[in-house]
Amino acid sequence: MPDRFPSLCDLLFTHANLATMAAGKYHIKKDAALAVSGKTIAWIGAMANLPEEAASLAKTVIDCEGKWLLPGFVDCHTHMVWGGSRSNEFEMRLKGASYGEIAAQGGGIASTVSATRAASAEALLAIGLKRAHHFLTQGITCFEVKSGYGLDMDSELKMLSVIREMDRTCPQDIHATFLGAHALPPEYKGRQGAYTDLVVEEMLPAVKAQGVASAVDVFCEKIAFSREETRRIFKTATDMGFGLKLHAEQLSDCDGAALAADFKALSCDHLEYLSPTGAKAMAENGVIPVLLPGAFHYLKEIKIPPMELFRSLDMPMALATDLNPGTSPVFNMTLVLNLACILFGMTCEEAIAGATLHGARALGINGTKGSLEPGKDADITLWDMEAPSDLCYLSGLLSPELVVTGGKIEYKN
């Protein structure tokens, strides 16, 4: 940590309590100050060590009056861009229908695919920007968005172009992931191999050529893509230089986690049915487990991810909203924190680390995001609460008073 206060200070927070989340721990600093220069955090220290001239050097000074500064949330798994609504499926599930039964009746992902294909890029962008702004009001300063509701060349590229435009327009940092292998589109029913050919031979090259995604994801599950199909997609994506992510072991153990480990994927997500062998392979290859309690809650699942196994292997656990129209219509990260603690048995510190630093790890950006440390991006949230654990405990009450992204105040409550 630099001892010298910056000569150029754009934003100075004083009399703050900090939970820096450095190394995935609270690392609380009481009565502290934080200085921002340009887009980065330039200085953190005790108020007692703040130079007398600091206030005069700063363009903007904010007296936090003992409130809490935390890093902005990093939501590493969302499906934010979609058309249509699936509220009817929520009622179907309440009456006992399973995920698979809904899909077999033409619902599920297929329903959203139809609506998303029919929607214009302009309409998808408008709703995407609205959802992204709501994320901002909840303290989410960086997030990932997957495609996967187009499932044909034009519609997938349309989705990815919308996500790219969102990144250009929104104050947050947005990462695009190509999820063409999300489900089998209806026109390919009974021709899974042919659709996999399309993803590998045509879609991936087009996505690469247009530069509209940095990572590739696959839904590896009995109702989606096999381990062999996933391997083929991953091999091609790796050769093209994409980062890799995987939906795996949500509904059954398909040994997807070990495959993700073979390819040194950024993350493997869901993981309710993860085996000890799969977990060990992930740990040995630096694959981050991303836990999605919103989907677990909405699907009324029973089997939780192997939390003690993650702890015994010293694996950083990331958390995400899994925002999507069918199985996790969750827009609030503090709700995810609460669910993670209650349903999965995470500690408050683990949960908050999962939604900040470890979420950044799952996107491969923990060197610049996810904690309050000098040299890192100035993505900062200000909260009026007694302790960081209130973010997990006070469900539905808290929202940030102030949100800073890239060194600029982008939201005031």
Protein backbone atom coordinates (compact mmCIF):
# COMPACT_ATOMS: atom_id res chain seq x y z
CA MET A 1 0.00 0.00 0.00
CA PRO A 2 1.54 3.37 -1.02
CA ASP A 3 2.36 5.63 1.94
CA ARG A 4 2.29 8.79 -0.14
CA PHE A 5 -1.06 10.45 -0.73
CA PRO A 6 -1.63 11.09 -4.46
CA SER A 7 -0.97 14.60 -5.74
CA LEU A 8 -3.99 14.22 -8.02
CA CYS A 9 -7.10 13.02 -6.17
CA ASP A 10 -10.47 13.02 -7.87
CA LEU A 11 -12.49 11.52 -5.03
CA LEU A 12 -11.75 11.23 -1.32
CA PHE A 13 -13.84 9.23 1.13
CA THR A 14 -13.24 10.12 4.78
CA HIS A 15 -14.39 8.71 8.14
CA ALA A 16 -15.37 5.42 6.52
CA ASN A 17 -15.40 1.87 7.75
CA LEU A 18 -13.98 -0.44 5.09
CA ALA A 19 -14.46 -4.12 4.38
CA THR A 20 -11.81 -4.39 1.69
CA MET A 21 -12.39 -8.11 0.87
CA ALA A 22 -8.69 -8.42 0.05
CA ALA A 23 -7.75 -12.11 -0.19
CA GLY A 24 -11.45 -12.92 0.27
CA LYS A 25 -11.58 -11.70 3.88
CA TYR A 26 -13.27 -8.69 5.46
CA HIS A 27 -9.96 -7.03 6.43
CA ILE A 28 -11.94 -4.34 8.22
CA LYS A 29 -10.46 -0.87 8.59
CA LYS A 30 -12.26 1.45 11.00
CA ASP A 31 -12.28 5.26 10.66
CA ALA A 32 -10.37 5.09 7.41
CA ALA A 33 -9.98 7.12 4.25
CA LEU A 34 -9.86 6.05 0.61
CA ALA A 35 -8.59 8.16 -2.28
CA VAL A 36 -9.42 7.69 -5.95
CA SER A 37 -7.24 9.02 -8.73
CA GLY A 38 -8.63 8.65 -12.22
CA LYS A 39 -10.19 5.20 -12.52
CA THR A 40 -8.22 3.53 -9.75
CA ILE A 41 -7.92 3.38 -5.99
CA ALA A 42 -4.79 5.38 -5.16
CA TRP A 43 -4.55 5.31 -1.36
CA ILE A 44 -6.16 3.65 1.66
CA GLY A 45 -5.24 4.47 5.23
CA ALA A 46 -6.38 5.45 8.68
CA MET A 47 -7.87 8.91 9.15
CA ALA A 48 -5.06 9.55 11.61
CA ASN A 49 -2.58 9.10 8.74
CA LEU A 50 -4.45 11.26 6.24
CA PRO A 51 -2.28 14.25 5.29
CA GLU A 52 -3.62 17.63 6.38
CA GLU A 53 -3.60 18.86 2.79
CA ALA A 54 -5.60 15.86 1.49
CA ALA A 55 -8.97 17.62 1.43
CA SER A 56 -7.54 20.52 -0.55
CA LEU A 57 -5.95 18.13 -3.05
CA ALA A 58 -9.21 16.27 -3.68
CA LYS A 59 -11.76 17.45 -6.24
CA THR A 60 -14.62 15.81 -4.30
CA VAL A 61 -14.66 14.88 -0.62
CA ILE A 62 -17.34 12.60 0.85
CA ASP A 63 -17.64 12.31 4.62
CA CYS A 64 -18.96 8.78 5.15
CA GLU A 65 -19.86 9.45 8.80
CA GLY A 66 -18.94 5.93 9.82
CA LYS A 67 -20.81 4.20 7.00
CA TRP A 68 -19.29 1.25 5.17
CA LEU A 69 -17.32 1.13 1.94
CA LEU A 70 -17.15 -2.19 0.09
CA PRO A 71 -16.08 -3.22 -3.39
CA GLY A 72 -18.85 -3.27 -5.96
CA PHE A 73 -20.51 -6.62 -6.48
CA VAL A 74 -19.23 -8.71 -9.41
CA ASP A 75 -22.02 -10.87 -10.84
CA CYS A 76 -20.17 -13.54 -12.81
CA HIS A 77 -23.17 -15.47 -14.19
CA THR A 78 -26.24 -13.84 -15.76
CA HIS A 79 -28.55 -14.31 -18.73
CA MET A 80 -29.67 -10.68 -18.64
CA VAL A 81 -30.72 -10.25 -22.28
CA TRP A 82 -33.94 -12.02 -23.24
CA GLY A 83 -37.35 -11.40 -24.76
CA GLY A 84 -40.75 -12.39 -23.42
CA SER A 85 -41.82 -13.62 -19.99
CA ARG A 86 -42.09 -16.99 -18.29
CA SER A 87 -44.15 -16.10 -15.25
CA ASN A 88 -46.60 -18.85 -16.25
CA GLU A 89 -43.86 -21.43 -15.65
CA PHE A 90 -43.44 -20.16 -12.13
CA GLU A 91 -47.04 -21.12 -11.48
CA MET A 92 -46.52 -24.48 -13.21
CA ARG A 93 -43.63 -25.27 -10.88
CA LEU A 94 -45.74 -24.28 -7.88
CA LYS A 95 -48.21 -26.93 -9.03
CA GLY A 96 -45.47 -29.56 -9.15
CA ALA A 97 -44.10 -29.49 -12.69
CA SER A 98 -40.38 -30.21 -12.93
CA TYR A 99 -37.78 -28.35 -15.01
CA GLY A 100 -37.69 -31.30 -17.43
CA GLU A 101 -41.49 -31.57 -17.68
CA ILE A 102 -41.81 -27.89 -18.52
CA ALA A 103 -39.10 -28.21 -21.18
CA ALA A 104 -40.84 -31.27 -22.67
CA GLN A 105 -44.01 -29.18 -23.15
CA GLY A 106 -42.19 -26.55 -25.19
CA GLY A 107 -41.55 -24.28 -22.24
CA GLY A 108 -38.32 -23.49 -20.53
CA ILE A 109 -35.49 -22.20 -22.66
CA ALA A 110 -37.41 -22.93 -25.90
CA SER A 111 -40.11 -20.43 -24.92
CA THR A 112 -37.56 -17.68 -24.37
CA VAL A 113 -35.76 -18.58 -27.59
CA SER A 114 -38.93 -17.96 -29.58
CA ALA A 115 -39.54 -14.58 -27.94
CA THR A 116 -35.90 -13.51 -28.22
CA ARG A 117 -35.70 -14.42 -31.89
CA ALA A 118 -38.80 -12.34 -32.54
CA ALA A 119 -37.51 -9.28 -30.66
CA SER A 120 -35.53 -6.59 -32.43
CA ALA A 121 -32.03 -5.69 -31.32
CA GLU A 122 -33.37 -2.27 -30.31
CA ALA A 123 -36.02 -3.81 -28.08
CA LEU A 124 -33.52 -6.18 -26.46
CA LEU A 125 -31.11 -3.31 -25.87
CA ALA A 126 -33.79 -1.17 -24.24
CA ILE A 127 -34.77 -3.87 -21.75
CA GLY A 128 -31.13 -4.83 -21.22
CA LEU A 129 -30.22 -1.25 -20.30
CA LYS A 130 -33.14 -1.09 -17.89
CA ARG A 131 -32.04 -4.28 -16.17
CA ALA A 132 -28.42 -3.12 -16.05
CA HIS A 133 -29.47 0.13 -14.39
CA HIS A 134 -31.32 -1.82 -11.74
CA PHE A 135 -28.14 -3.81 -11.15
CA LEU A 136 -26.33 -0.50 -10.63
CA THR A 137 -28.84 0.57 -7.98
CA GLN A 138 -28.11 -2.69 -6.15
CA GLY A 139 -24.34 -2.14 -6.14
CA ILE A 140 -23.42 -4.47 -9.02
CA THR A 141 -20.57 -2.69 -10.78
CA CYS A 142 -19.37 -5.50 -13.04
CA PHE A 143 -21.25 -8.43 -14.53
CA GLU A 144 -21.22 -11.11 -17.17
CA VAL A 145 -24.03 -11.65 -19.71
CA LYS A 146 -24.48 -14.84 -21.72
CA SER A 147 -26.15 -15.33 -25.06
CA GLY A 148 -28.01 -18.61 -25.52
CA TYR A 149 -31.58 -17.52 -26.21
CA GLY A 150 -31.06 -17.20 -29.96
CA LEU A 151 -29.72 -20.64 -30.87
CA ASP A 152 -29.28 -19.74 -34.53
CA MET A 153 -26.53 -17.74 -36.15
CA ASP A 154 -28.36 -14.44 -36.62
CA SER A 155 -30.09 -14.44 -33.24
CA GLU A 156 -26.98 -15.37 -31.26
CA LEU A 157 -24.99 -12.62 -32.96
CA LYS A 158 -27.89 -10.23 -32.35
CA MET A 159 -27.78 -11.00 -28.64
CA LEU A 160 -24.01 -10.60 -28.46
CA SER A 161 -24.13 -7.30 -30.34
CA VAL A 162 -26.71 -6.06 -27.82
CA ILE A 163 -24.45 -7.09 -24.94
CA ARG A 164 -21.53 -5.26 -26.59
CA GLU A 165 -23.65 -2.12 -26.94
CA MET A 166 -24.69 -2.40 -23.30
CA ASP A 167 -21.01 -2.47 -22.33
CA ARG A 168 -20.41 0.67 -24.38
CA THR A 169 -23.42 2.46 -22.90
CA CYS A 170 -23.61 1.36 -19.25
CA PRO A 171 -21.30 2.65 -16.52
CA GLN A 172 -20.60 -0.92 -15.42
CA ASP A 173 -18.01 -3.27 -16.89
CA ILE A 174 -19.89 -5.97 -18.84
CA HIS A 175 -18.39 -9.25 -20.06
CA ALA A 176 -20.02 -11.20 -22.90
CA THR A 177 -20.10 -15.00 -23.03
CA PHE A 178 -21.25 -17.04 -26.03
CA LEU A 179 -23.67 -19.77 -24.91
CA GLY A 180 -24.81 -21.14 -28.24
CA ALA A 181 -24.80 -24.62 -26.68
CA HIS A 182 -27.52 -23.76 -24.17
CA ALA A 183 -30.27 -26.01 -25.50
CA LEU A 184 -31.29 -27.77 -28.69
CA PRO A 185 -33.41 -25.40 -30.82
CA PRO A 186 -36.76 -26.84 -31.94
CA GLU A 187 -35.82 -26.98 -35.62
CA TYR A 188 -32.97 -29.35 -34.71
CA LYS A 189 -35.09 -31.78 -32.73
CA GLY A 190 -33.58 -35.25 -33.13
CA ARG A 191 -30.46 -33.77 -34.77
CA GLN A 192 -28.25 -32.90 -31.83
CA GLY A 193 -25.08 -33.70 -33.75
CA ALA A 194 -26.02 -31.38 -36.58
CA TYR A 195 -26.61 -28.51 -34.17
CA THR A 196 -23.28 -29.15 -32.46
CA ASP A 197 -21.71 -29.01 -35.93
CA LEU A 198 -23.35 -25.60 -36.43
CA VAL A 199 -21.99 -24.28 -33.13
CA VAL A 200 -18.46 -25.54 -33.79
CA GLU A 201 -18.11 -24.95 -37.52
CA GLU A 202 -20.12 -21.76 -38.07
CA MET A 203 -21.16 -19.97 -34.89
CA LEU A 204 -17.82 -20.01 -33.05
CA PRO A 205 -15.86 -18.69 -36.06
CA ALA A 206 -18.43 -15.91 -36.55
CA VAL A 207 -18.35 -14.91 -32.88
CA LYS A 208 -14.56 -14.83 -33.00
CA ALA A 209 -14.47 -12.83 -36.23
CA GLN A 210 -16.86 -10.19 -34.86
CA GLY A 211 -15.11 -9.99 -31.48
CA VAL A 212 -18.39 -9.97 -29.57
CA ALA A 213 -17.52 -12.41 -26.77
CA SER A 214 -14.51 -13.20 -24.62
CA ALA A 215 -15.68 -16.56 -23.26
CA VAL A 216 -17.66 -19.63 -24.31
CA ASP A 217 -20.08 -21.57 -22.10
CA VAL A 218 -21.91 -24.88 -22.55
CA PHE A 219 -24.82 -26.44 -20.63
CA CYS A 220 -23.50 -29.96 -20.00
CA GLU A 221 -26.45 -31.98 -18.74
CA LYS A 222 -28.68 -34.89 -19.74
CA ILE A 223 -31.33 -32.48 -21.05
CA ALA A 224 -28.77 -30.38 -22.92
CA PHE A 225 -25.30 -31.29 -24.26
CA SER A 226 -23.29 -34.42 -23.59
CA ARG A 227 -19.78 -34.54 -22.22
CA GLU A 228 -18.47 -35.51 -25.64
CA GLU A 229 -20.28 -32.63 -27.37
CA THR A 230 -19.03 -30.25 -24.71
CA ARG A 231 -15.46 -31.45 -25.19
CA ARG A 232 -15.68 -30.80 -28.92
CA ILE A 233 -17.00 -27.27 -28.39
CA PHE A 234 -14.38 -26.56 -25.73
CA LYS A 235 -11.55 -27.80 -27.95
CA THR A 236 -12.55 -25.47 -30.77
CA ALA A 237 -13.14 -22.54 -28.40
CA THR A 238 -9.75 -23.08 -26.76
CA ASP A 239 -8.01 -23.15 -30.13
CA MET A 240 -9.66 -19.80 -30.90
CA GLY A 241 -8.47 -18.23 -27.65
CA PHE A 242 -11.76 -18.00 -25.76
CA GLY A 243 -12.02 -18.32 -22.01
CA LEU A 244 -14.22 -21.23 -20.92
CA LYS A 245 -17.12 -21.57 -18.51
CA LEU A 246 -19.46 -24.50 -17.90
CA HIS A 247 -22.97 -25.14 -16.57
CA ALA A 248 -22.50 -28.55 -14.96
CA GLU A 249 -23.71 -30.99 -12.33
CA GLN A 250 -26.91 -29.00 -11.71
CA LEU A 251 -29.41 -31.82 -12.18
CA SER A 252 -27.13 -34.86 -12.30
CA ASP A 253 -23.46 -35.82 -12.27
CA CYS A 254 -22.37 -35.80 -15.91
CA ASP A 255 -18.69 -35.47 -14.98
CA GLY A 256 -18.64 -32.02 -16.54
CA ALA A 257 -16.48 -30.58 -13.77
CA ALA A 258 -13.58 -32.88 -14.61
CA LEU A 259 -13.91 -31.82 -18.24
CA ALA A 260 -13.82 -28.15 -17.20
CA ALA A 261 -10.69 -28.97 -15.23
CA ASP A 262 -9.09 -30.68 -18.23
CA PHE A 263 -9.48 -27.44 -20.17
CA LYS A 264 -8.57 -25.20 -17.21
CA ALA A 265 -11.88 -23.36 -17.52
CA LEU A 266 -12.43 -20.11 -15.66
CA SER A 267 -15.38 -21.53 -13.76
CA CYS A 268 -17.82 -24.39 -13.39
CA ASP A 269 -21.31 -23.30 -12.31
CA HIS A 270 -24.23 -24.80 -10.32
CA LEU A 271 -22.51 -28.00 -9.06
CA GLU A 272 -25.23 -29.47 -6.84
CA TYR A 273 -24.25 -32.99 -7.99
CA LEU A 274 -20.50 -32.43 -8.05
CA SER A 275 -18.46 -35.51 -7.13
CA PRO A 276 -15.36 -35.46 -4.90
CA THR A 277 -13.29 -36.45 -7.93
CA GLY A 278 -14.68 -33.56 -9.96
CA ALA A 279 -14.11 -31.10 -7.14
CA LYS A 280 -10.51 -32.21 -6.69
CA ALA A 281 -9.86 -31.85 -10.42
CA MET A 282 -11.30 -28.33 -10.34
CA ALA A 283 -9.17 -27.37 -7.35
CA GLU A 284 -6.00 -28.71 -8.94
CA ASN A 285 -6.62 -26.71 -12.12
CA GLY A 286 -7.83 -23.43 -10.63
CA VAL A 287 -11.44 -23.75 -11.81
CA ILE A 288 -13.69 -21.54 -9.67
CA PRO A 289 -16.98 -23.03 -8.41
CA VAL A 290 -19.84 -20.60 -9.02
CA LEU A 291 -22.82 -21.23 -6.77
CA LEU A 292 -26.29 -20.12 -7.83
CA PRO A 293 -28.69 -20.26 -4.87
CA GLY A 294 -31.36 -18.31 -6.76
CA ALA A 295 -31.86 -21.17 -9.22
CA PHE A 296 -31.67 -23.69 -6.37
CA HIS A 297 -34.42 -21.76 -4.56
CA TYR A 298 -36.72 -21.26 -7.56
CA LEU A 299 -36.43 -24.90 -8.64
CA LYS A 300 -37.02 -26.05 -5.05
CA GLU A 301 -33.97 -28.28 -5.24
CA ILE A 302 -32.93 -30.42 -2.30
CA LYS A 303 -29.32 -31.43 -2.90
CA ILE A 304 -26.94 -28.55 -2.15
CA PRO A 305 -23.42 -28.17 -3.56
CA PRO A 306 -20.68 -29.90 -1.51
CA MET A 307 -19.76 -26.93 0.66
CA GLU A 308 -17.49 -28.76 3.09
CA LEU A 309 -15.65 -30.31 0.17
CA PHE A 310 -14.97 -26.86 -1.27
CA ARG A 311 -13.68 -25.70 2.11
CA SER A 312 -11.48 -28.75 2.61
CA LEU A 313 -9.91 -28.14 -0.80
CA ASP A 314 -9.50 -24.41 -0.04
CA MET A 315 -11.50 -23.47 -3.13
CA PRO A 316 -12.67 -19.86 -3.51
CA MET A 317 -16.47 -20.01 -3.91
CA ALA A 318 -18.11 -17.44 -6.18
CA LEU A 319 -21.76 -16.40 -6.02
CA ALA A 320 -23.95 -15.03 -8.80
CA THR A 321 -27.58 -14.15 -9.44
CA ASP A 322 -27.96 -16.44 -12.49
CA LEU A 323 -30.47 -13.81 -13.59
CA ASN A 324 -32.71 -15.48 -16.17
CA PRO A 325 -36.42 -15.52 -17.00
CA GLY A 326 -37.17 -19.09 -16.02
CA THR A 327 -35.22 -20.48 -13.10
CA SER A 328 -33.70 -17.45 -11.37
CA PRO A 329 -35.45 -14.14 -12.08
CA VAL A 330 -33.30 -12.57 -9.35
CA PHE A 331 -32.10 -8.97 -9.71
CA ASN A 332 -30.74 -8.44 -6.21
CA MET A 333 -27.32 -9.60 -5.03
CA THR A 334 -28.16 -9.11 -1.35
CA LEU A 335 -30.97 -11.64 -1.80
CA VAL A 336 -28.40 -14.04 -3.25
CA LEU A 337 -26.19 -13.45 -0.20
CA ASN A 338 -29.09 -14.25 2.10
CA LEU A 339 -30.03 -17.41 0.19
CA ALA A 340 -26.41 -18.58 0.10
CA CYS A 341 -26.15 -18.30 3.87
CA ILE A 342 -29.50 -19.91 4.66
CA LEU A 343 -29.69 -22.58 1.95
CA PHE A 344 -26.02 -23.43 1.42
CA GLY A 345 -24.65 -22.66 4.88
CA MET A 346 -22.13 -20.08 3.77
CA THR A 347 -20.78 -17.66 6.34
CA CYS A 348 -21.47 -13.98 5.70
CA GLU A 349 -17.80 -13.41 4.96
CA GLU A 350 -17.75 -16.29 2.46
CA ALA A 351 -20.89 -15.01 0.77
CA ILE A 352 -19.69 -11.42 0.42
CA ALA A 353 -16.30 -12.63 -0.85
CA GLY A 354 -18.20 -14.81 -3.33
CA ALA A 355 -20.08 -11.81 -4.71
CA THR A 356 -16.98 -9.61 -4.94
CA LEU A 357 -13.43 -10.97 -5.20
CA HIS A 358 -14.29 -14.57 -6.06
CA GLY A 359 -16.88 -13.43 -8.59
CA ALA A 360 -14.04 -11.51 -10.22
CA ARG A 361 -11.90 -14.66 -10.09
CA ALA A 362 -14.60 -16.52 -12.02
CA LEU A 363 -14.24 -13.94 -14.80
CA GLY A 364 -10.44 -13.89 -14.65
CA ILE A 365 -10.35 -10.24 -13.56
CA ASN A 366 -9.49 -10.47 -9.87
CA GLY A 367 -6.29 -8.53 -10.54
CA THR A 368 -8.36 -5.39 -11.12
CA LYS A 369 -11.80 -6.06 -9.61
CA GLY A 370 -13.43 -7.43 -6.48
CA SER A 371 -11.59 -5.79 -3.57
CA LEU A 372 -10.64 -2.37 -2.25
CA GLU A 373 -6.88 -2.21 -2.75
CA PRO A 374 -4.57 0.48 -4.16
CA GLY A 375 -4.05 -0.05 -7.87
CA LYS A 376 -7.38 -1.77 -8.40
CA ASP A 377 -10.34 -0.30 -10.25
CA ALA A 378 -12.33 2.19 -8.21
CA ASP A 379 -15.59 0.22 -8.15
CA ILE A 380 -16.93 1.17 -4.74
CA THR A 381 -20.24 1.04 -2.87
CA LEU A 382 -21.30 2.96 0.25
CA TRP A 383 -23.71 1.31 2.71
CA ASP A 384 -25.48 2.59 5.82
CA MET A 385 -25.33 -0.47 8.09
CA GLU A 386 -23.90 -1.67 11.37
CA ALA A 387 -21.62 -4.37 9.94
CA PRO A 388 -20.92 -6.10 6.60
CA SER A 389 -22.95 -9.11 7.74
CA ASP A 390 -26.06 -6.91 7.49
CA LEU A 391 -25.85 -7.39 3.72
CA CYS A 392 -26.72 -11.05 4.30
CA TYR A 393 -28.94 -10.62 7.36
CA LEU A 394 -31.26 -7.70 6.54
CA SER A 395 -33.02 -9.22 3.57
CA GLY A 396 -34.76 -6.64 1.38
CA LEU A 397 -33.74 -3.59 3.41
CA LEU A 398 -30.36 -2.43 2.17
CA SER A 399 -29.34 -0.77 -1.04
CA PRO A 400 -26.20 1.31 -1.52
CA GLU A 401 -26.29 5.04 -0.86
CA LEU A 402 -23.60 5.63 -3.46
CA VAL A 403 -22.11 3.60 -6.30
CA VAL A 404 -18.78 4.43 -7.95
CA THR A 405 -17.66 2.66 -11.12
CA GLY A 406 -14.33 3.36 -12.75
CA GLY A 407 -13.73 6.25 -10.37
CA LYS A 408 -16.97 8.10 -11.16
CA ILE A 409 -20.06 8.46 -8.99
CA GLU A 410 -22.71 6.82 -11.17
CA TYR A 411 -25.57 6.40 -8.70
CA LYS A 412 -26.81 8.17 -5.58
CA ASN A 413 -29.70 6.80 -3.54
